[in-house]
Amino acid sequence: FPPLYRAMIAAGESSGTLPDITERLADLLERQAELRGKLIGT
């Protein structure tokens, strides 16, 4: 769990929006994986 990941989780816990933050994090990680896969494929 990288520092940036943990920092976003901590922000979600502090604001009481952990489910929303984890959903945004999941979207972010999926998009990053998709871009990384396209770069490797290219």
PDB file of all heavy atoms in Angstrom:
ATOM      1  N   PHE A   1       0.858  -1.189   0.000  1.00  0.00           N
ATOM      2  CA  PHE A   1       0.000   0.000   0.000  1.00  0.00           C
ATOM      3  C   PHE A   1       0.893   1.237   0.000  1.00  0.00           C
ATOM      4  O   PHE A   1       1.415   1.636   1.045  1.00  0.00           O
ATOM      5  CB  PHE A   1      -0.922  -0.010   1.222  1.00  0.00           C
ATOM      6  CG  PHE A   1      -1.789  -1.233   1.317  1.00  0.00           C
ATOM      7  CD1 PHE A   1      -1.429  -2.302   2.130  1.00  0.00           C
ATOM      8  CD2 PHE A   1      -2.948  -1.330   0.576  1.00  0.00           C
ATOM      9  CE1 PHE A   1      -2.217  -3.440   2.221  1.00  0.00           C
ATOM     10  CE2 PHE A   1      -3.751  -2.465   0.651  1.00  0.00           C
ATOM     11  CZ  PHE A   1      -3.377  -3.522   1.470  1.00  0.00           C
ATOM     12  N   PRO A   2       1.093   1.856  -1.179  1.00  0.00           N
ATOM     13  CA  PRO A   2       2.012   2.995  -1.301  1.00  0.00           C
ATOM     14  C   PRO A   2       1.575   4.183  -0.441  1.00  0.00           C
ATOM     15  O   PRO A   2       0.412   4.282  -0.028  1.00  0.00           O
ATOM     16  CB  PRO A   2       1.940   3.336  -2.792  1.00  0.00           C
ATOM     17  CG  PRO A   2       1.381   2.128  -3.456  1.00  0.00           C
ATOM     18  CD  PRO A   2       0.479   1.486  -2.453  1.00  0.00           C
ATOM     19  N   PRO A   3       2.500   5.120  -0.164  1.00  0.00           N
ATOM     20  CA  PRO A   3       2.174   6.286   0.671  1.00  0.00           C
ATOM     21  C   PRO A   3       1.001   7.102   0.149  1.00  0.00           C
ATOM     22  O   PRO A   3       0.152   7.543   0.933  1.00  0.00           O
ATOM     23  CB  PRO A   3       3.474   7.094   0.655  1.00  0.00           C
ATOM     24  CG  PRO A   3       4.547   6.084   0.422  1.00  0.00           C
ATOM     25  CD  PRO A   3       3.932   5.052  -0.484  1.00  0.00           C
ATOM     26  N   LEU A   4       0.942   7.338  -1.166  1.00  0.00           N
ATOM     27  CA  LEU A   4      -0.165   8.119  -1.722  1.00  0.00           C
ATOM     28  C   LEU A   4      -1.486   7.401  -1.512  1.00  0.00           C
ATOM     29  O   LEU A   4      -2.505   8.036  -1.195  1.00  0.00           O
ATOM     30  CB  LEU A   4       0.076   8.371  -3.215  1.00  0.00           C
ATOM     31  CG  LEU A   4      -0.999   9.198  -3.929  1.00  0.00           C
ATOM     32  CD1 LEU A   4      -1.123  10.573  -3.310  1.00  0.00           C
ATOM     33  CD2 LEU A   4      -0.689   9.308  -5.427  1.00  0.00           C
ATOM     34  N   TYR A   5      -1.504   6.102  -1.676  1.00  0.00           N
ATOM     35  CA  TYR A   5      -2.711   5.296  -1.450  1.00  0.00           C
ATOM     36  C   TYR A   5      -3.172   5.450  -0.005  1.00  0.00           C
ATOM     37  O   TYR A   5      -4.352   5.708   0.264  1.00  0.00           O
ATOM     38  CB  TYR A   5      -2.395   3.841  -1.777  1.00  0.00           C
ATOM     39  CG  TYR A   5      -3.570   2.897  -1.721  1.00  0.00           C
ATOM     40  CD1 TYR A   5      -4.244   2.532  -2.872  1.00  0.00           C
ATOM     41  CD2 TYR A   5      -3.996   2.348  -0.511  1.00  0.00           C
ATOM     42  CE1 TYR A   5      -5.315   1.648  -2.833  1.00  0.00           C
ATOM     43  CE2 TYR A   5      -5.064   1.470  -0.461  1.00  0.00           C
ATOM     44  CZ  TYR A   5      -5.717   1.119  -1.623  1.00  0.00           C
ATOM     45  OH  TYR A   5      -6.784   0.248  -1.569  1.00  0.00           O
ATOM     46  N   ARG A   6      -2.228   5.314   0.925  1.00  0.00           N
ATOM     47  CA  ARG A   6      -2.579   5.427   2.347  1.00  0.00           C
ATOM     48  C   ARG A   6      -3.042   6.833   2.693  1.00  0.00           C
ATOM     49  O   ARG A   6      -3.945   7.009   3.534  1.00  0.00           O
ATOM     50  CB  ARG A   6      -1.376   5.037   3.214  1.00  0.00           C
ATOM     51  CG  ARG A   6      -0.887   3.617   3.006  1.00  0.00           C
ATOM     52  CD  ARG A   6      -0.005   3.158   4.150  1.00  0.00           C
ATOM     53  NE  ARG A   6       1.112   4.047   4.387  1.00  0.00           N
ATOM     54  CZ  ARG A   6       2.331   3.888   3.873  1.00  0.00           C
ATOM     55  NH1 ARG A   6       2.566   2.877   3.054  1.00  0.00           N
ATOM     56  NH2 ARG A   6       3.300   4.731   4.162  1.00  0.00           N
ATOM     57  N   ALA A   7      -2.452   7.839   2.059  1.00  0.00           N
ATOM     58  CA  ALA A   7      -2.853   9.214   2.335  1.00  0.00           C
ATOM     59  C   ALA A   7      -4.290   9.466   1.891  1.00  0.00           C
ATOM     60  O   ALA A   7      -5.059  10.161   2.582  1.00  0.00           O
ATOM     61  CB  ALA A   7      -1.906  10.183   1.632  1.00  0.00           C
ATOM     62  N   MET A   8      -4.679   8.912   0.744  1.00  0.00           N
ATOM     63  CA  MET A   8      -6.056   9.080   0.277  1.00  0.00           C
ATOM     64  C   MET A   8      -7.030   8.334   1.183  1.00  0.00           C
ATOM     65  O   MET A   8      -8.136   8.829   1.468  1.00  0.00           O
ATOM     66  CB  MET A   8      -6.182   8.586  -1.166  1.00  0.00           C
ATOM     67  CG  MET A   8      -5.487   9.468  -2.182  1.00  0.00           C
ATOM     68  SD  MET A   8      -5.864   8.969  -3.875  1.00  0.00           S
ATOM     69  CE  MET A   8      -4.848  10.128  -4.794  1.00  0.00           C
ATOM     70  N   ILE A   9      -6.640   7.154   1.645  1.00  0.00           N
ATOM     71  CA  ILE A   9      -7.489   6.414   2.587  1.00  0.00           C
ATOM     72  C   ILE A   9      -7.654   7.212   3.877  1.00  0.00           C
ATOM     73  O   ILE A   9      -8.766   7.311   4.430  1.00  0.00           O
ATOM     74  CB  ILE A   9      -6.876   5.031   2.883  1.00  0.00           C
ATOM     75  CG1 ILE A   9      -6.924   4.135   1.633  1.00  0.00           C
ATOM     76  CG2 ILE A   9      -7.601   4.353   4.044  1.00  0.00           C
ATOM     77  CD1 ILE A   9      -8.302   3.726   1.201  1.00  0.00           C
ATOM     78  N   ALA A  10      -6.562   7.808   4.363  1.00  0.00           N
ATOM     79  CA  ALA A  10      -6.633   8.614   5.583  1.00  0.00           C
ATOM     80  C   ALA A  10      -7.541   9.819   5.392  1.00  0.00           C
ATOM     81  O   ALA A  10      -8.322  10.182   6.290  1.00  0.00           O
ATOM     82  CB  ALA A  10      -5.232   9.071   5.989  1.00  0.00           C
ATOM     83  N   ALA A  11      -7.482  10.446   4.194  1.00  0.00           N
ATOM     84  CA  ALA A  11      -8.363  11.581   3.922  1.00  0.00           C
ATOM     85  C   ALA A  11      -9.824  11.148   3.907  1.00  0.00           C
ATOM     86  O   ALA A  11     -10.701  11.863   4.412  1.00  0.00           O
ATOM     87  CB  ALA A  11      -7.985  12.213   2.576  1.00  0.00           C
ATOM     88  N   GLY A  12     -10.099   9.978   3.360  1.00  0.00           N
ATOM     89  CA  GLY A  12     -11.469   9.468   3.353  1.00  0.00           C
ATOM     90  C   GLY A  12     -11.971   9.151   4.750  1.00  0.00           C
ATOM     91  O   GLY A  12     -13.142   9.397   5.068  1.00  0.00           O
ATOM     92  N   GLU A  13     -11.087   8.623   5.597  1.00  0.00           N
ATOM     93  CA  GLU A  13     -11.483   8.331   6.976  1.00  0.00           C
ATOM     94  C   GLU A  13     -11.763   9.615   7.747  1.00  0.00           C
ATOM     95  O   GLU A  13     -12.719   9.688   8.537  1.00  0.00           O
ATOM     96  CB  GLU A  13     -10.374   7.533   7.662  1.00  0.00           C
ATOM     97  CG  GLU A  13     -10.226   6.108   7.142  1.00  0.00           C
ATOM     98  CD  GLU A  13      -9.076   5.367   7.788  1.00  0.00           C
ATOM     99  OE1 GLU A  13      -7.959   5.921   7.826  1.00  0.00           O
ATOM    100  OE2 GLU A  13      -9.284   4.239   8.271  1.00  0.00           O
ATOM    101  N   SER A  14     -10.940  10.635   7.518  1.00  0.00           N
ATOM    102  CA  SER A  14     -11.117  11.898   8.242  1.00  0.00           C
ATOM    103  C   SER A  14     -12.396  12.610   7.847  1.00  0.00           C
ATOM    104  O   SER A  14     -13.049  13.237   8.682  1.00  0.00           O
ATOM    105  CB  SER A  14      -9.909  12.817   7.984  1.00  0.00           C
ATOM    106  OG  SER A  14      -8.704  12.218   8.428  1.00  0.00           O
ATOM    107  N   SER A  15     -12.767  12.499   6.574  1.00  0.00           N
ATOM    108  CA  SER A  15     -13.971  13.179   6.089  1.00  0.00           C
ATOM    109  C   SER A  15     -15.213  12.314   6.170  1.00  0.00           C
ATOM    110  O   SER A  15     -16.316  12.782   5.855  1.00  0.00           O
ATOM    111  CB  SER A  15     -13.759  13.635   4.642  1.00  0.00           C
ATOM    112  OG  SER A  15     -13.522  12.515   3.790  1.00  0.00           O
ATOM    113  N   GLY A  16     -15.062  11.047   6.570  1.00  0.00           N
ATOM    114  CA  GLY A  16     -16.210  10.154   6.656  1.00  0.00           C
ATOM    115  C   GLY A  16     -16.734   9.692   5.318  1.00  0.00           C
ATOM    116  O   GLY A  16     -17.892   9.281   5.200  1.00  0.00           O
ATOM    117  N   THR A  17     -15.900   9.756   4.302  1.00  0.00           N
ATOM    118  CA  THR A  17     -16.321   9.364   2.941  1.00  0.00           C
ATOM    119  C   THR A  17     -15.453   8.223   2.415  1.00  0.00           C
ATOM    120  O   THR A  17     -15.096   8.208   1.236  1.00  0.00           O
ATOM    121  CB  THR A  17     -16.234  10.566   1.985  1.00  0.00           C
ATOM    122  OG1 THR A  17     -14.880  11.067   1.987  1.00  0.00           O
ATOM    123  CG2 THR A  17     -17.181  11.673   2.413  1.00  0.00           C
ATOM    124  N   LEU A  18     -15.099   7.276   3.276  1.00  0.00           N
ATOM    125  CA  LEU A  18     -14.205   6.192   2.871  1.00  0.00           C
ATOM    126  C   LEU A  18     -14.752   5.387   1.693  1.00  0.00           C
ATOM    127  O   LEU A  18     -13.994   5.090   0.756  1.00  0.00           O
ATOM    128  CB  LEU A  18     -13.918   5.277   4.060  1.00  0.00           C
ATOM    129  CG  LEU A  18     -12.923   4.138   3.787  1.00  0.00           C
ATOM    130  CD1 LEU A  18     -11.577   4.692   3.352  1.00  0.00           C
ATOM    131  CD2 LEU A  18     -12.774   3.255   5.025  1.00  0.00           C
ATOM    132  N   PRO A  19     -16.046   5.006   1.666  1.00  0.00           N
ATOM    133  CA  PRO A  19     -16.542   4.254   0.493  1.00  0.00           C
ATOM    134  C   PRO A  19     -16.372   5.021  -0.820  1.00  0.00           C
ATOM    135  O   PRO A  19     -15.992   4.436  -1.836  1.00  0.00           O
ATOM    136  CB  PRO A  19     -18.019   4.018   0.829  1.00  0.00           C
ATOM    137  CG  PRO A  19     -18.077   4.058   2.318  1.00  0.00           C
ATOM    138  CD  PRO A  19     -17.079   5.090   2.720  1.00  0.00           C
ATOM    139  N   ASP A  20     -16.647   6.339  -0.783  1.00  0.00           N
ATOM    140  CA  ASP A  20     -16.484   7.143  -2.004  1.00  0.00           C
ATOM    141  C   ASP A  20     -15.020   7.240  -2.413  1.00  0.00           C
ATOM    142  O   ASP A  20     -14.689   7.161  -3.600  1.00  0.00           O
ATOM    143  CB  ASP A  20     -17.050   8.548  -1.787  1.00  0.00           C
ATOM    144  CG  ASP A  20     -18.554   8.534  -1.575  1.00  0.00           C
ATOM    145  OD1 ASP A  20     -19.203   7.581  -2.039  1.00  0.00           O
ATOM    146  OD2 ASP A  20     -19.077   9.470  -0.937  1.00  0.00           O
ATOM    147  N   ILE A  21     -14.141   7.402  -1.421  1.00  0.00           N
ATOM    148  CA  ILE A  21     -12.712   7.529  -1.723  1.00  0.00           C
ATOM    149  C   ILE A  21     -12.169   6.228  -2.301  1.00  0.00           C
ATOM    150  O   ILE A  21     -11.403   6.238  -3.271  1.00  0.00           O
ATOM    151  CB  ILE A  21     -11.931   7.930  -0.455  1.00  0.00           C
ATOM    152  CG1 ILE A  21     -12.380   9.309   0.026  1.00  0.00           C
ATOM    153  CG2 ILE A  21     -10.434   7.916  -0.725  1.00  0.00           C
ATOM    154  CD1 ILE A  21     -12.207  10.404  -0.978  1.00  0.00           C
ATOM    155  N   THR A  22     -12.549   5.103  -1.725  1.00  0.00           N
ATOM    156  CA  THR A  22     -12.064   3.826  -2.247  1.00  0.00           C
ATOM    157  C   THR A  22     -12.595   3.573  -3.657  1.00  0.00           C
ATOM    158  O   THR A  22     -11.890   2.974  -4.484  1.00  0.00           O
ATOM    159  CB  THR A  22     -12.472   2.666  -1.324  1.00  0.00           C
ATOM    160  OG1 THR A  22     -13.885   2.733  -1.065  1.00  0.00           O
ATOM    161  CG2 THR A  22     -11.729   2.749  -0.003  1.00  0.00           C
ATOM    162  N   GLU A  23     -13.803   4.038  -3.933  1.00  0.00           N
ATOM    163  CA  GLU A  23     -14.330   3.880  -5.292  1.00  0.00           C
ATOM    164  C   GLU A  23     -13.524   4.722  -6.278  1.00  0.00           C
ATOM    165  O   GLU A  23     -13.185   4.261  -7.379  1.00  0.00           O
ATOM    166  CB  GLU A  23     -15.801   4.286  -5.330  1.00  0.00           C
ATOM    167  CG  GLU A  23     -16.454   4.024  -6.680  1.00  0.00           C
ATOM    168  CD  GLU A  23     -17.952   4.259  -6.661  1.00  0.00           C
ATOM    169  OE1 GLU A  23     -18.495   4.614  -5.592  1.00  0.00           O
ATOM    170  OE2 GLU A  23     -18.584   4.090  -7.717  1.00  0.00           O
ATOM    171  N   ARG A  24     -13.197   5.971  -5.880  1.00  0.00           N
ATOM    172  CA  ARG A  24     -12.361   6.818  -6.745  1.00  0.00           C
ATOM    173  C   ARG A  24     -10.968   6.212  -6.912  1.00  0.00           C
ATOM    174  O   ARG A  24     -10.383   6.266  -7.995  1.00  0.00           O
ATOM    175  CB  ARG A  24     -12.256   8.229  -6.165  1.00  0.00           C
ATOM    176  CG  ARG A  24     -13.553   9.031  -6.188  1.00  0.00           C
ATOM    177  CD  ARG A  24     -13.279  10.490  -5.887  1.00  0.00           C
ATOM    178  NE  ARG A  24     -14.503  11.271  -5.829  1.00  0.00           N
ATOM    179  CZ  ARG A  24     -15.123  11.626  -4.707  1.00  0.00           C
ATOM    180  NH1 ARG A  24     -14.607  11.269  -3.540  1.00  0.00           N
ATOM    181  NH2 ARG A  24     -16.226  12.320  -4.742  1.00  0.00           N
ATOM    182  N   LEU A  25     -10.443   5.665  -5.826  1.00  0.00           N
ATOM    183  CA  LEU A  25      -9.129   5.031  -5.901  1.00  0.00           C
ATOM    184  C   LEU A  25      -9.144   3.831  -6.854  1.00  0.00           C
ATOM    185  O   LEU A  25      -8.208   3.631  -7.632  1.00  0.00           O
ATOM    186  CB  LEU A  25      -8.696   4.572  -4.503  1.00  0.00           C
ATOM    187  CG  LEU A  25      -7.767   5.494  -3.720  1.00  0.00           C
ATOM    188  CD1 LEU A  25      -7.514   4.927  -2.326  1.00  0.00           C
ATOM    189  CD2 LEU A  25      -6.446   5.687  -4.452  1.00  0.00           C
ATOM    190  N   ALA A  26     -10.204   3.045  -6.782  1.00  0.00           N
ATOM    191  CA  ALA A  26     -10.325   1.895  -7.677  1.00  0.00           C
ATOM    192  C   ALA A  26     -10.386   2.352  -9.133  1.00  0.00           C
ATOM    193  O   ALA A  26      -9.739   1.756 -10.014  1.00  0.00           O
ATOM    194  CB  ALA A  26     -11.554   1.073  -7.319  1.00  0.00           C
ATOM    195  N   ASP A  27     -11.159   3.417  -9.398  1.00  0.00           N
ATOM    196  CA  ASP A  27     -11.220   3.964 -10.758  1.00  0.00           C
ATOM    197  C   ASP A  27      -9.846   4.438 -11.217  1.00  0.00           C
ATOM    198  O   ASP A  27      -9.438   4.205 -12.361  1.00  0.00           O
ATOM    199  CB  ASP A  27     -12.215   5.129 -10.813  1.00  0.00           C
ATOM    200  CG  ASP A  27     -13.655   4.674 -10.599  1.00  0.00           C
ATOM    201  OD1 ASP A  27     -13.947   3.482 -10.822  1.00  0.00           O
ATOM    202  OD2 ASP A  27     -14.489   5.513 -10.186  1.00  0.00           O
ATOM    203  N   LEU A  28      -9.127   5.121 -10.300  1.00  0.00           N
ATOM    204  CA  LEU A  28      -7.800   5.632 -10.635  1.00  0.00           C
ATOM    205  C   LEU A  28      -6.841   4.490 -10.973  1.00  0.00           C
ATOM    206  O   LEU A  28      -6.128   4.532 -11.981  1.00  0.00           O
ATOM    207  CB  LEU A  28      -7.256   6.448  -9.466  1.00  0.00           C
ATOM    208  CG  LEU A  28      -5.796   6.916  -9.565  1.00  0.00           C
ATOM    209  CD1 LEU A  28      -5.631   7.888 -10.725  1.00  0.00           C
ATOM    210  CD2 LEU A  28      -5.338   7.567  -8.257  1.00  0.00           C
ATOM    211  N   LEU A  29      -6.819   3.465 -10.139  1.00  0.00           N
ATOM    212  CA  LEU A  29      -5.911   2.339 -10.360  1.00  0.00           C
ATOM    213  C   LEU A  29      -6.251   1.587 -11.643  1.00  0.00           C
ATOM    214  O   LEU A  29      -5.354   1.128 -12.371  1.00  0.00           O
ATOM    215  CB  LEU A  29      -5.960   1.386  -9.164  1.00  0.00           C
ATOM    216  CG  LEU A  29      -5.410   1.947  -7.844  1.00  0.00           C
ATOM    217  CD1 LEU A  29      -5.677   0.974  -6.705  1.00  0.00           C
ATOM    218  CD2 LEU A  29      -3.919   2.241  -7.956  1.00  0.00           C
ATOM    219  N   GLU A  30      -7.539   1.448 -11.934  1.00  0.00           N
ATOM    220  CA  GLU A  30      -7.947   0.762 -13.156  1.00  0.00           C
ATOM    221  C   GLU A  30      -7.527   1.540 -14.399  1.00  0.00           C
ATOM    222  O   GLU A  30      -7.051   0.962 -15.390  1.00  0.00           O
ATOM    223  CB  GLU A  30      -9.459   0.542 -13.152  1.00  0.00           C
ATOM    224  CG  GLU A  30      -9.909  -0.538 -12.169  1.00  0.00           C
ATOM    225  CD  GLU A  30     -11.417  -0.608 -12.024  1.00  0.00           C
ATOM    226  OE1 GLU A  30     -12.097   0.259 -12.629  1.00  0.00           O
ATOM    227  OE2 GLU A  30     -11.921  -1.499 -11.316  1.00  0.00           O
ATOM    228  N   ARG A  31      -7.684   2.871 -14.357  1.00  0.00           N
ATOM    229  CA  ARG A  31      -7.279   3.687 -15.500  1.00  0.00           C
ATOM    230  C   ARG A  31      -5.767   3.653 -15.684  1.00  0.00           C
ATOM    231  O   ARG A  31      -5.265   3.590 -16.807  1.00  0.00           O
ATOM    232  CB  ARG A  31      -7.754   5.133 -15.313  1.00  0.00           C
ATOM    233  CG  ARG A  31      -9.248   5.315 -15.459  1.00  0.00           C
ATOM    234  CD  ARG A  31      -9.714   4.891 -16.819  1.00  0.00           C
ATOM    235  NE  ARG A  31      -9.094   5.672 -17.888  1.00  0.00           N
ATOM    236  CZ  ARG A  31      -9.099   5.313 -19.169  1.00  0.00           C
ATOM    237  NH1 ARG A  31      -9.640   4.169 -19.529  1.00  0.00           N
ATOM    238  NH2 ARG A  31      -8.541   6.083 -20.085  1.00  0.00           N
ATOM    239  N   GLN A  32      -5.026   3.696 -14.569  1.00  0.00           N
ATOM    240  CA  GLN A  32      -3.574   3.627 -14.665  1.00  0.00           C
ATOM    241  C   GLN A  32      -3.116   2.292 -15.245  1.00  0.00           C
ATOM    242  O   GLN A  32      -2.201   2.247 -16.073  1.00  0.00           O
ATOM    243  CB  GLN A  32      -2.945   3.851 -13.283  1.00  0.00           C
ATOM    244  CG  GLN A  32      -3.037   5.284 -12.787  1.00  0.00           C
ATOM    245  CD  GLN A  32      -2.377   5.472 -11.438  1.00  0.00           C
ATOM    246  OE1 GLN A  32      -2.033   4.508 -10.754  1.00  0.00           O
ATOM    247  NE2 GLN A  32      -2.189   6.715 -11.031  1.00  0.00           N
ATOM    248  N   ALA A  33      -3.762   1.210 -14.807  1.00  0.00           N
ATOM    249  CA  ALA A  33      -3.419  -0.109 -15.341  1.00  0.00           C
ATOM    250  C   ALA A  33      -3.743  -0.195 -16.832  1.00  0.00           C
ATOM    251  O   ALA A  33      -2.984  -0.784 -17.616  1.00  0.00           O
ATOM    252  CB  ALA A  33      -4.163  -1.191 -14.567  1.00  0.00           C
ATOM    253  N   GLU A  34      -4.859   0.408 -17.224  1.00  0.00           N
ATOM    254  CA  GLU A  34      -5.246   0.394 -18.630  1.00  0.00           C
ATOM    255  C   GLU A  34      -4.241   1.162 -19.487  1.00  0.00           C
ATOM    256  O   GLU A  34      -3.830   0.695 -20.554  1.00  0.00           O
ATOM    257  CB  GLU A  34      -6.646   1.002 -18.780  1.00  0.00           C
ATOM    258  CG  GLU A  34      -7.206   0.940 -20.188  1.00  0.00           C
ATOM    259  CD  GLU A  34      -8.610   1.508 -20.285  1.00  0.00           C
ATOM    260  OE1 GLU A  34      -9.234   1.730 -19.224  1.00  0.00           O
ATOM    261  OE2 GLU A  34      -9.068   1.737 -21.414  1.00  0.00           O
ATOM    262  N   LEU A  35      -3.828   2.344 -19.008  1.00  0.00           N
ATOM    263  CA  LEU A  35      -2.845   3.135 -19.745  1.00  0.00           C
ATOM    264  C   LEU A  35      -1.497   2.406 -19.816  1.00  0.00           C
ATOM    265  O   LEU A  35      -0.832   2.413 -20.853  1.00  0.00           O
ATOM    266  CB  LEU A  35      -2.665   4.503 -19.079  1.00  0.00           C
ATOM    267  CG  LEU A  35      -3.804   5.501 -19.241  1.00  0.00           C
ATOM    268  CD1 LEU A  35      -3.519   6.766 -18.442  1.00  0.00           C
ATOM    269  CD2 LEU A  35      -4.017   5.851 -20.705  1.00  0.00           C
ATOM    270  N   ARG A  36      -1.104   1.803 -18.690  1.00  0.00           N
ATOM    271  CA  ARG A  36       0.162   1.074 -18.666  1.00  0.00           C
ATOM    272  C   ARG A  36       0.130  -0.094 -19.655  1.00  0.00           C
ATOM    273  O   ARG A  36       1.103  -0.346 -20.371  1.00  0.00           O
ATOM    274  CB  ARG A  36       0.433   0.580 -17.251  1.00  0.00           C
ATOM    275  CG  ARG A  36       1.779  -0.094 -17.065  1.00  0.00           C
ATOM    276  CD  ARG A  36       2.138  -0.208 -15.598  1.00  0.00           C
ATOM    277  NE  ARG A  36       1.070  -0.851 -14.837  1.00  0.00           N
ATOM    278  CZ  ARG A  36       0.325  -0.229 -13.925  1.00  0.00           C
ATOM    279  NH1 ARG A  36       0.521   1.052 -13.653  1.00  0.00           N
ATOM    280  NH2 ARG A  36      -0.617  -0.873 -13.261  1.00  0.00           N
ATOM    281  N   GLY A  37      -0.998  -0.799 -19.710  1.00  0.00           N
ATOM    282  CA  GLY A  37      -1.133  -1.903 -20.648  1.00  0.00           C
ATOM    283  C   GLY A  37      -1.076  -1.438 -22.092  1.00  0.00           C
ATOM    284  O   GLY A  37      -0.461  -2.093 -22.951  1.00  0.00           O
ATOM    285  N   LYS A  38      -1.705  -0.296 -22.387  1.00  0.00           N
ATOM    286  CA  LYS A  38      -1.680   0.228 -23.751  1.00  0.00           C
ATOM    287  C   LYS A  38      -0.273   0.667 -24.148  1.00  0.00           C
ATOM    288  O   LYS A  38       0.146   0.464 -25.299  1.00  0.00           O
ATOM    289  CB  LYS A  38      -2.654   1.396 -23.880  1.00  0.00           C
ATOM    290  CG  LYS A  38      -4.119   0.970 -23.853  1.00  0.00           C
ATOM    291  CD  LYS A  38      -5.046   2.156 -23.971  1.00  0.00           C
ATOM    292  CE  LYS A  38      -6.507   1.699 -23.960  1.00  0.00           C
ATOM    293  NZ  LYS A  38      -7.452   2.847 -24.015  1.00  0.00           N
ATOM    294  N   LEU A  39       0.458   1.266 -23.205  1.00  0.00           N
ATOM    295  CA  LEU A  39       1.826   1.676 -23.514  1.00  0.00           C
ATOM    296  C   LEU A  39       2.705   0.459 -23.808  1.00  0.00           C
ATOM    297  O   LEU A  39       3.470   0.451 -24.780  1.00  0.00           O
ATOM    298  CB  LEU A  39       2.406   2.466 -22.341  1.00  0.00           C
ATOM    299  CG  LEU A  39       3.869   2.905 -22.490  1.00  0.00           C
ATOM    300  CD1 LEU A  39       4.012   3.872 -23.658  1.00  0.00           C
ATOM    301  CD2 LEU A  39       4.386   3.538 -21.207  1.00  0.00           C
ATOM    302  N   ILE A  40       2.567  -0.566 -22.984  1.00  0.00           N
ATOM    303  CA  ILE A  40       3.351  -1.787 -23.197  1.00  0.00           C
ATOM    304  C   ILE A  40       2.981  -2.426 -24.539  1.00  0.00           C
ATOM    305  O   ILE A  40       3.848  -2.866 -25.299  1.00  0.00           O
ATOM    306  CB  ILE A  40       3.130  -2.775 -22.039  1.00  0.00           C
ATOM    307  CG1 ILE A  40       3.712  -2.197 -20.742  1.00  0.00           C
ATOM    308  CG2 ILE A  40       3.774  -4.124 -22.352  1.00  0.00           C
ATOM    309  CD1 ILE A  40       3.410  -3.036 -19.520  1.00  0.00           C
ATOM    310  N   GLY A  41       1.673  -2.469 -24.820  1.00  0.00           N
ATOM    311  CA  GLY A  41       1.236  -3.041 -26.089  1.00  0.00           C
ATOM    312  C   GLY A  41       1.741  -2.244 -27.286  1.00  0.00           C
ATOM    313  O   GLY A  41       2.125  -2.820 -28.315  1.00  0.00           O
ATOM    314  N   THR A  42       1.758  -0.914 -27.155  1.00  0.00           N
ATOM    315  CA  THR A  42       2.209  -0.064 -28.251  1.00  0.00           C
ATOM    316  C   THR A  42       3.687  -0.261 -28.547  1.00  0.00           C
ATOM    317  O   THR A  42       4.108  -0.272 -29.708  1.00  0.00           O
ATOM    318  CB  THR A  42       1.937   1.411 -27.919  1.00  0.00           C
ATOM    319  OG1 THR A  42       0.527   1.598 -27.708  1.00  0.00           O
ATOM    320  CG2 THR A  42       2.393   2.324 -29.043  1.00  0.00           C
TER     321      THR A  42
END
